[in-house]
Amino acid sequence: MIKRNKQPEESGSWMDTYGDMVTLLLCFFVLLYSMSSMDQSKWKKLVQSFNPSALESIESNANESEGEFRGDQTKEEVTDFDALYTALKEMVEERGMQDSVEITRGDGFTFISFRDKVFFDGDSSVLRQEGKDILEQFAVAMTQVDSSIKEVQVLGHTSQGDPNRPNNVRNDRMLSAQRSAEVVIFLQSRHAVSPEKLVSASYGQFRPIAPFDTEDGRAQNRRVEILITKNDTVEKSLEEYYNQIYQDYQNVPVN
């Protein structure tokens, strides 16, 4: 009987598969590395080699996003001090806040009055979110003309709750001071202007712009004001600004 020679077992075949897998993984990681350090032109060529239409889609979406971004920036762009008034007024109108935020301009100044509860709830010095949102926009506008701004004064005011009795002295002074300080702190944290240009002042109940004997009058007196002056502006007293801004200011009684 003739003995057949045994064929050697193919024990090394799995090594071929394993080697192929390692090679593929190595190629994959090399591709990932090259993509991470690839410049824009090389990336476009790679995408186009696989799918030319995909590149058109990517570029189209990128251009749309860039256009939207530029549109937002242009919308808020402020070129000089005189344009600041227009930009701030548009922001107020877009938010529908014309009844609670009044903006006035004069020779070398822009004056903003925030009525009643735009910034703070009653007897509180914690900035409300609505107030933060509008201040955020104002800060962006002011930053663009920082070089032409001389000073930004934030003025805090309270109202006399009882028309026949003055407020508690300590509470009245502290509340108006804390409120103006909080607005200054927020503007400084947003780099609205150079810090040395920011000034906070408080007047308590003693600069009323309306009588205390009606709810509407008291609401008008509870306010925060921002006075922005231009570099070459001649300094004026607060009363001089008020006489330009508020009608019949001199006739409002101070208790």
Protein backbone atom coordinates (compact mmCIF):
# COMPACT_ATOMS: atom_id res chain seq x y z
CA MET A 1 0.00 0.00 0.00
CA ILE A 2 1.41 3.28 -1.04
CA LYS A 3 1.51 5.89 1.74
CA ARG A 4 0.42 9.37 0.79
CA ASN A 5 2.53 12.26 1.91
CA LYS A 6 0.65 14.46 4.37
CA GLN A 7 0.17 18.06 3.23
CA PRO A 8 1.49 20.59 5.73
CA GLU A 9 -1.26 22.38 7.68
CA GLU A 10 -1.83 25.97 6.62
CA SER A 11 -1.33 27.32 10.11
CA GLY A 12 -0.05 30.77 8.98
CA SER A 13 -3.06 31.93 6.98
CA TRP A 14 -4.49 33.99 9.85
CA MET A 15 -1.31 36.04 9.90
CA ASP A 16 -2.06 37.31 6.41
CA THR A 17 -5.50 38.56 7.51
CA TYR A 18 -4.08 40.13 10.64
CA GLY A 19 -1.36 41.86 8.66
CA ASP A 20 -3.89 43.28 6.22
CA MET A 21 -5.99 44.62 9.09
CA VAL A 22 -2.99 46.30 10.75
CA THR A 23 -2.00 47.86 7.43
CA LEU A 24 -5.52 49.23 6.92
CA LEU A 25 -5.59 50.66 10.44
CA LEU A 26 -2.22 52.29 9.90
CA CYS A 27 -3.43 53.85 6.66
CA PHE A 28 -6.56 55.08 8.44
CA PHE A 29 -4.61 56.82 11.21
CA VAL A 30 -2.18 58.33 8.71
CA LEU A 31 -5.19 59.72 6.83
CA LEU A 32 -6.64 61.16 10.05
CA TYR A 33 -3.34 62.81 10.90
CA SER A 34 -2.96 64.29 7.44
CA MET A 35 -6.51 65.69 7.60
CA SER A 36 -5.84 67.32 10.96
CA SER A 37 -2.88 69.23 9.56
CA MET A 38 -4.22 69.74 6.05
CA ASP A 39 -4.69 73.25 4.75
CA GLN A 40 -7.93 74.43 3.16
CA SER A 41 -6.83 73.96 -0.45
CA LYS A 42 -5.71 70.35 0.09
CA TRP A 43 -8.95 69.56 1.89
CA LYS A 44 -10.98 70.89 -1.04
CA LYS A 45 -9.00 68.75 -3.47
CA LEU A 46 -9.56 65.64 -1.36
CA VAL A 47 -13.30 66.23 -1.09
CA GLN A 48 -13.58 67.01 -4.79
CA SER A 49 -11.76 63.80 -5.73
CA PHE A 50 -14.49 61.77 -4.00
CA ASN A 51 -17.54 63.88 -4.80
CA PRO A 52 -17.32 67.16 -6.75
CA SER A 53 -20.87 68.20 -5.81
CA ALA A 54 -20.09 67.87 -2.11
CA LEU A 55 -17.51 70.64 -2.36
CA GLU A 56 -20.05 72.99 -3.90
CA SER A 57 -22.46 72.26 -1.05
CA ILE A 58 -19.81 72.85 1.61
CA GLU A 59 -18.72 76.15 0.08
CA SER A 60 -22.31 77.30 -0.33
CA ASN A 61 -23.15 76.64 3.32
CA ALA A 62 -19.94 78.30 4.47
CA ASN A 63 -20.68 81.41 2.44
CA GLU A 64 -24.22 81.62 3.81
CA SER A 65 -22.97 81.37 7.40
CA GLU A 66 -20.29 83.96 6.77
CA GLY A 67 -22.83 86.27 5.22
CA GLU A 68 -25.13 85.97 8.21
CA PHE A 69 -22.24 86.71 10.57
CA ARG A 70 -21.13 89.73 8.59
CA GLY A 71 -24.70 90.94 8.46
CA ASP A 72 -24.95 90.87 12.24
CA GLN A 73 -21.64 92.66 12.57
CA THR A 74 -22.59 95.33 10.06
CA LYS A 75 -25.88 95.81 11.81
CA GLU A 76 -24.09 96.73 15.02
CA GLU A 77 -21.19 98.59 13.41
CA VAL A 78 -20.65 102.06 14.82
CA THR A 79 -18.19 104.26 12.95
CA ASP A 80 -18.09 107.41 15.10
CA PHE A 81 -19.57 109.07 18.18
CA ASP A 82 -22.46 110.64 16.29
CA ALA A 83 -23.46 107.23 14.93
CA LEU A 84 -23.62 105.83 18.47
CA TYR A 85 -26.96 107.53 19.13
CA THR A 86 -28.51 106.00 16.01
CA ALA A 87 -27.18 102.53 16.81
CA LEU A 88 -28.46 102.58 20.40
CA LYS A 89 -31.86 103.90 19.32
CA GLU A 90 -32.22 101.11 16.75
CA MET A 91 -31.40 98.50 19.40
CA VAL A 92 -34.11 99.88 21.68
CA GLU A 93 -36.68 99.93 18.87
CA GLU A 94 -35.85 96.37 17.81
CA ARG A 95 -36.54 95.22 21.36
CA GLY A 96 -39.76 97.23 21.56
CA MET A 97 -38.52 99.13 24.62
CA GLN A 98 -39.35 102.67 23.49
CA ASP A 99 -41.73 103.18 26.43
CA SER A 100 -39.12 102.27 29.04
CA VAL A 101 -35.85 103.45 27.48
CA GLU A 102 -35.46 107.03 26.24
CA ILE A 103 -32.40 108.13 24.26
CA THR A 104 -31.55 111.78 23.71
CA ARG A 105 -28.60 113.42 22.04
CA GLY A 106 -27.18 116.90 22.15
CA ASP A 107 -23.99 118.74 21.37
CA GLY A 108 -21.28 116.23 22.28
CA PHE A 109 -23.38 113.84 24.36
CA THR A 110 -25.79 110.92 24.24
CA PHE A 111 -28.14 110.47 27.19
CA ILE A 112 -30.06 107.27 27.99
CA SER A 113 -32.73 106.94 30.66
CA PHE A 114 -33.86 103.46 31.73
CA ARG A 115 -37.20 103.74 33.43
CA ASP A 116 -38.44 101.81 36.45
CA LYS A 117 -37.90 98.03 36.17
CA VAL A 118 -35.74 97.66 33.06
CA PHE A 119 -32.71 96.89 35.22
CA PHE A 120 -33.98 96.13 38.71
CA ASP A 121 -37.00 94.83 40.58
CA GLY A 122 -38.39 96.88 43.45
CA ASP A 123 -35.89 97.47 46.31
CA SER A 124 -33.35 95.25 44.50
CA SER A 125 -29.88 95.96 43.14
CA VAL A 126 -29.61 92.67 41.22
CA LEU A 127 -29.58 93.22 37.46
CA ARG A 128 -32.50 91.61 35.67
CA GLN A 129 -31.84 89.51 32.56
CA GLU A 130 -33.67 92.01 30.36
CA GLY A 131 -31.33 94.72 31.59
CA LYS A 132 -28.25 92.57 31.00
CA ASP A 133 -29.36 91.83 27.44
CA ILE A 134 -29.75 95.47 26.43
CA LEU A 135 -26.54 96.46 28.23
CA GLU A 136 -24.71 93.70 26.36
CA GLN A 137 -25.73 95.27 23.05
CA PHE A 138 -24.90 98.78 24.23
CA ALA A 139 -21.44 97.63 25.34
CA VAL A 140 -20.68 96.26 21.86
CA ALA A 141 -21.63 99.60 20.31
CA MET A 142 -19.64 101.68 22.81
CA THR A 143 -16.53 99.55 22.40
CA GLN A 144 -16.32 100.52 18.74
CA VAL A 145 -16.07 104.25 19.55
CA ASP A 146 -14.15 104.02 22.83
CA SER A 147 -11.42 106.31 21.48
CA SER A 148 -13.91 109.15 20.95
CA ILE A 149 -15.68 108.77 24.31
CA LYS A 150 -14.59 111.06 27.13
CA GLU A 151 -16.65 109.59 29.96
CA VAL A 152 -19.57 107.28 30.68
CA GLN A 153 -21.50 108.33 33.78
CA VAL A 154 -24.06 105.96 35.27
CA LEU A 155 -26.54 107.76 37.52
CA GLY A 156 -28.73 105.90 40.01
CA HIS A 157 -32.05 107.31 41.24
CA THR A 158 -34.85 106.20 43.55
CA SER A 159 -38.37 107.46 44.11
CA GLN A 160 -40.05 108.67 47.26
CA GLY A 161 -42.54 105.94 48.07
CA ASP A 162 -44.70 108.10 50.34
CA PRO A 163 -45.23 111.59 48.90
CA ASN A 164 -45.61 112.96 52.42
CA ARG A 165 -42.57 111.32 53.99
CA PRO A 166 -38.95 111.09 52.76
CA ASN A 167 -37.31 107.69 52.33
CA ASN A 168 -35.06 106.14 54.94
CA VAL A 169 -31.76 107.94 54.38
CA ARG A 170 -29.47 104.90 54.49
CA ASN A 171 -31.70 102.65 52.37
CA ASP A 172 -32.32 105.39 49.83
CA ARG A 173 -28.66 106.27 49.34
CA MET A 174 -27.41 102.69 49.40
CA LEU A 175 -29.96 101.42 46.89
CA SER A 176 -29.28 104.12 44.30
CA ALA A 177 -25.51 103.72 44.78
CA GLN A 178 -25.61 99.93 44.45
CA ARG A 179 -27.73 100.12 41.31
CA SER A 180 -25.44 102.53 39.49
CA ALA A 181 -22.41 100.51 40.61
CA GLU A 182 -23.92 97.26 39.28
CA VAL A 183 -24.43 98.81 35.85
CA VAL A 184 -20.86 100.14 35.82
CA ILE A 185 -19.51 96.74 36.87
CA PHE A 186 -21.43 95.04 34.06
CA LEU A 187 -20.19 97.51 31.43
CA GLN A 188 -16.62 97.16 32.67
CA SER A 189 -16.84 93.36 32.59
CA ARG A 190 -17.91 93.63 28.94
CA HIS A 191 -15.07 96.06 28.11
CA ALA A 192 -17.54 98.68 26.89
CA VAL A 193 -14.97 101.46 27.32
CA SER A 194 -11.66 101.93 29.10
CA PRO A 195 -12.31 101.40 32.84
CA GLU A 196 -11.07 104.86 33.84
CA LYS A 197 -13.87 106.40 31.76
CA LEU A 198 -16.62 104.68 33.77
CA VAL A 199 -18.12 106.68 36.64
CA SER A 200 -20.99 105.76 38.94
CA ALA A 201 -23.00 108.39 40.82
CA SER A 202 -26.11 108.17 42.97
CA TYR A 203 -28.68 110.78 43.89
CA GLY A 204 -31.28 108.85 45.84
CA GLN A 205 -34.65 110.57 45.62
CA PHE A 206 -33.19 114.05 45.17
CA ARG A 207 -33.17 114.48 41.38
CA PRO A 208 -36.83 113.80 40.54
CA ILE A 209 -38.09 114.42 37.01
CA ALA A 210 -41.78 114.02 37.93
CA PRO A 211 -43.92 114.65 41.03
CA PHE A 212 -44.04 111.90 43.69
CA ASP A 213 -47.81 112.09 44.19
CA THR A 214 -48.78 109.74 41.32
CA GLU A 215 -47.73 106.18 40.52
CA ASP A 216 -46.64 107.20 37.04
CA GLY A 217 -44.53 110.00 38.47
CA ARG A 218 -42.87 107.66 40.95
CA ALA A 219 -42.18 105.16 38.14
CA GLN A 220 -40.46 107.88 36.12
CA ASN A 221 -38.26 108.81 39.07
CA ARG A 222 -37.15 105.21 39.66
CA ARG A 223 -34.56 105.16 36.93
CA VAL A 224 -30.95 104.61 35.90
CA GLU A 225 -29.36 107.04 33.47
CA ILE A 226 -26.24 106.76 31.33
CA LEU A 227 -24.57 109.95 30.14
CA ILE A 228 -21.97 109.40 27.40
CA THR A 229 -19.85 112.44 26.55
CA LYS A 230 -17.57 113.03 23.59
CA ASN A 231 -13.85 113.72 23.94
CA ASP A 232 -13.89 117.41 23.02
CA THR A 233 -17.07 118.25 24.95
CA VAL A 234 -17.07 121.15 27.41
CA GLU A 235 -18.08 119.88 30.84
CA LYS A 236 -21.56 120.78 32.08
CA SER A 237 -23.41 120.27 35.32
CA LEU A 238 -26.09 117.60 35.59
CA GLU A 239 -28.71 120.35 35.90
CA GLU A 240 -27.62 121.80 32.56
CA TYR A 241 -28.06 118.42 30.89
CA TYR A 242 -31.42 117.90 32.62
CA ASN A 243 -32.71 121.27 31.44
CA GLN A 244 -31.97 120.19 27.86
CA ILE A 245 -33.46 116.72 28.24
CA TYR A 246 -36.41 116.93 30.63
CA GLN A 247 -39.18 119.45 30.09
CA ASP A 248 -40.23 121.42 33.17
CA TYR A 249 -37.38 119.91 35.19
CA GLN A 250 -36.99 123.12 37.17
CA ASN A 251 -40.65 122.99 38.20
CA VAL A 252 -40.51 119.51 39.76
CA PRO A 253 -40.67 119.82 43.57
CA VAL A 254 -37.96 118.12 45.65
CA ASN A 255 -39.21 117.01 49.08
